[in-house]
Amino acid sequence: MPTYAETKAAVINLLRTFGDGPTSLYEVGAPLVGRGFKQDPIVNALFDLAHEGVIELLIGNALPVLKLPVSQN
């Protein structure tokens, strides 16, 4: 099972692939669950990213990316 850090990194990497404008939470969760990540750590990562100002969680299960962390690669 992936660690929380791996889950959060996977969420950030997926967010990098989306264009401008709000993205559906389904577009974030479904591909990650399909890759073996668990729903609760994904949600926790999204809450952390919202708290850090990276994303904003909107009504209607959407999120715009406000700023992405600099890639560590």
Protein backbone atom coordinates (compact mmCIF):
# COMPACT_ATOMS: atom_id res chain seq x y z
CA MET A 1 0.00 0.00 0.00
CA PRO A 2 1.40 3.44 -0.90
CA THR A 3 2.53 5.72 1.92
CA TYR A 4 0.81 9.02 2.61
CA ALA A 5 3.79 10.90 1.11
CA GLU A 6 3.53 8.80 -2.06
CA THR A 7 -0.20 9.47 -2.23
CA LYS A 8 0.23 13.21 -1.83
CA ALA A 9 2.99 13.24 -4.47
CA ALA A 10 0.73 11.29 -6.85
CA VAL A 11 -2.08 13.82 -6.31
CA ILE A 12 0.27 16.72 -7.03
CA ASN A 13 1.65 15.01 -10.14
CA LEU A 14 -1.88 14.37 -11.39
CA LEU A 15 -2.86 18.00 -10.74
CA ARG A 16 0.05 19.07 -12.96
CA THR A 17 -1.64 17.35 -15.93
CA PHE A 18 -4.85 19.40 -15.71
CA GLY A 19 -5.34 22.67 -17.53
CA ASP A 20 -6.66 25.91 -16.14
CA GLY A 21 -10.02 26.06 -14.46
CA PRO A 22 -11.72 23.86 -11.90
CA THR A 23 -11.26 20.10 -12.07
CA SER A 24 -13.79 17.56 -10.85
CA LEU A 25 -12.78 15.62 -7.76
CA TYR A 26 -13.76 12.51 -9.72
CA GLU A 27 -10.99 13.31 -12.23
CA VAL A 28 -8.54 13.23 -9.34
CA GLY A 29 -9.84 10.29 -7.33
CA ALA A 30 -10.80 7.76 -9.98
CA PRO A 31 -7.41 7.49 -11.72
CA LEU A 32 -5.55 7.31 -8.41
CA VAL A 33 -7.85 4.63 -6.99
CA GLY A 34 -7.38 2.77 -10.27
CA ARG A 35 -3.62 2.86 -9.64
CA GLY A 36 -4.00 1.32 -6.17
CA PHE A 37 -4.23 4.39 -3.97
CA LYS A 38 -6.85 4.39 -1.21
CA GLN A 39 -9.68 6.93 -1.01
CA ASP A 40 -9.04 8.20 2.54
CA PRO A 41 -5.36 9.14 2.00
CA ILE A 42 -6.33 10.84 -1.29
CA VAL A 43 -8.95 12.92 0.52
CA ASN A 44 -6.49 13.73 3.32
CA ALA A 45 -3.92 14.84 0.73
CA LEU A 46 -6.54 17.09 -0.90
CA PHE A 47 -7.41 18.63 2.49
CA ASP A 48 -3.69 19.22 3.17
CA LEU A 49 -3.23 20.83 -0.24
CA ALA A 50 -6.25 23.07 0.38
CA HIS A 51 -4.83 24.05 3.78
CA GLU A 52 -1.46 24.83 2.12
CA GLY A 53 -3.17 27.05 -0.49
CA VAL A 54 -2.29 24.78 -3.40
CA ILE A 55 -5.92 24.07 -4.30
CA GLU A 56 -9.33 25.35 -3.29
CA LEU A 57 -12.17 22.93 -2.61
CA LEU A 58 -15.35 24.35 -4.17
CA ILE A 59 -19.02 23.53 -3.88
CA GLY A 60 -19.98 20.98 -6.50
CA ASN A 61 -16.96 18.71 -5.99
CA ALA A 62 -14.60 20.87 -8.01
CA LEU A 63 -11.16 22.25 -7.32
CA PRO A 64 -9.06 24.85 -9.06
CA VAL A 65 -5.28 24.64 -8.72
CA LEU A 66 -4.04 27.90 -7.20
CA LYS A 67 -0.32 27.15 -7.16
CA LEU A 68 1.67 23.95 -7.49
CA PRO A 69 4.76 23.21 -5.43
CA VAL A 70 8.05 23.32 -7.31
CA SER A 71 8.87 19.87 -8.65
CA GLN A 72 11.56 17.99 -6.72
CA ASN A 73 12.83 16.27 -9.88
